[in-house]
């Protein structure tokens, strides 16, 4: 679903691309950490550490790590 106008999307892209490669990388890393935190909010209680990591990975990437490696 695209709910952003082309003009707004172009402006956002221009702003992001005006940043250095390092700044863009750091922005991406921060967004990934935010996504992990959001995934943890809905995590069921009582999971082991390994199960927690798999749950977060599955919520972000849509499948288990092993499935991605096999593809």
Protein backbone atom coordinates (compact mmCIF):
# COMPACT_ATOMS: atom_id res chain seq x y z
CA UNK A 1 0.00 0.00 0.00
CA UNK A 2 1.39 3.37 -0.96
CA UNK A 3 -0.10 6.22 1.05
CA UNK A 4 2.54 8.85 0.30
CA UNK A 5 2.33 11.21 -2.62
CA UNK A 6 5.05 11.05 -5.26
CA UNK A 7 6.10 14.58 -4.33
CA UNK A 8 6.50 13.70 -0.65
CA UNK A 9 8.34 10.49 -1.47
CA UNK A 10 10.74 12.37 -3.73
CA UNK A 11 11.38 14.95 -1.00
CA UNK A 12 12.09 12.29 1.62
CA UNK A 13 14.43 10.46 -0.78
CA UNK A 14 16.25 13.73 -1.55
CA UNK A 15 16.72 14.48 2.15
CA UNK A 16 17.97 10.97 2.93
CA UNK A 17 20.31 10.84 -0.06
CA UNK A 18 21.79 14.22 0.91
CA UNK A 19 23.23 12.57 4.02
CA UNK A 20 26.59 10.83 4.08
CA UNK A 21 26.80 7.07 3.58
CA UNK A 22 27.77 6.73 7.24
CA UNK A 23 24.72 8.71 8.39
CA UNK A 24 22.41 6.64 6.17
CA UNK A 25 23.92 3.44 7.55
CA UNK A 26 23.43 4.65 11.13
CA UNK A 27 19.82 5.62 10.35
CA UNK A 28 19.19 2.14 8.97
CA UNK A 29 20.76 0.49 12.01
CA UNK A 30 18.65 2.61 14.36
CA UNK A 31 15.48 1.74 12.43
CA UNK A 32 16.32 -1.96 12.65
CA UNK A 33 16.80 -1.67 16.42
CA UNK A 34 13.45 0.13 16.65
CA UNK A 35 11.80 -2.69 14.66
CA UNK A 36 13.25 -5.25 17.07
CA UNK A 37 11.87 -3.33 20.05
CA UNK A 38 8.42 -3.13 18.44
CA UNK A 39 8.51 -6.88 17.78
CA UNK A 40 9.37 -7.53 21.44
CA UNK A 41 6.27 -5.64 22.57
CA UNK A 42 3.99 -8.37 21.20
CA UNK A 43 6.18 -11.26 22.28
CA UNK A 44 4.52 -13.92 24.44
CA UNK A 45 5.91 -14.33 27.94
CA UNK A 46 7.90 -17.36 29.02
CA UNK A 47 10.04 -17.81 25.90
CA UNK A 48 13.66 -18.86 26.26
CA UNK A 49 16.37 -16.48 25.03
CA UNK A 50 16.72 -18.50 21.81
CA UNK A 51 12.95 -18.53 21.28
CA UNK A 52 12.83 -14.76 21.86
CA UNK A 53 15.49 -14.17 19.21
CA UNK A 54 13.67 -16.41 16.72
CA UNK A 55 10.36 -14.69 17.48
CA UNK A 56 11.82 -11.23 16.83
CA UNK A 57 13.55 -12.42 13.64
CA UNK A 58 10.34 -14.02 12.38
CA UNK A 59 8.31 -10.85 13.10
CA UNK A 60 10.76 -8.65 11.19
CA UNK A 61 11.71 -10.96 8.30
CA UNK A 62 8.58 -13.09 7.95
CA UNK A 63 10.29 -16.45 8.32
CA UNK A 64 12.79 -18.35 10.42
CA UNK A 65 16.52 -17.70 9.87
CA UNK A 66 17.02 -21.25 8.55
CA UNK A 67 14.35 -20.76 5.88
CA UNK A 68 16.13 -17.66 4.59
CA UNK A 69 19.50 -19.47 4.44
CA UNK A 70 17.95 -22.33 2.46
CA UNK A 71 16.41 -19.99 -0.12
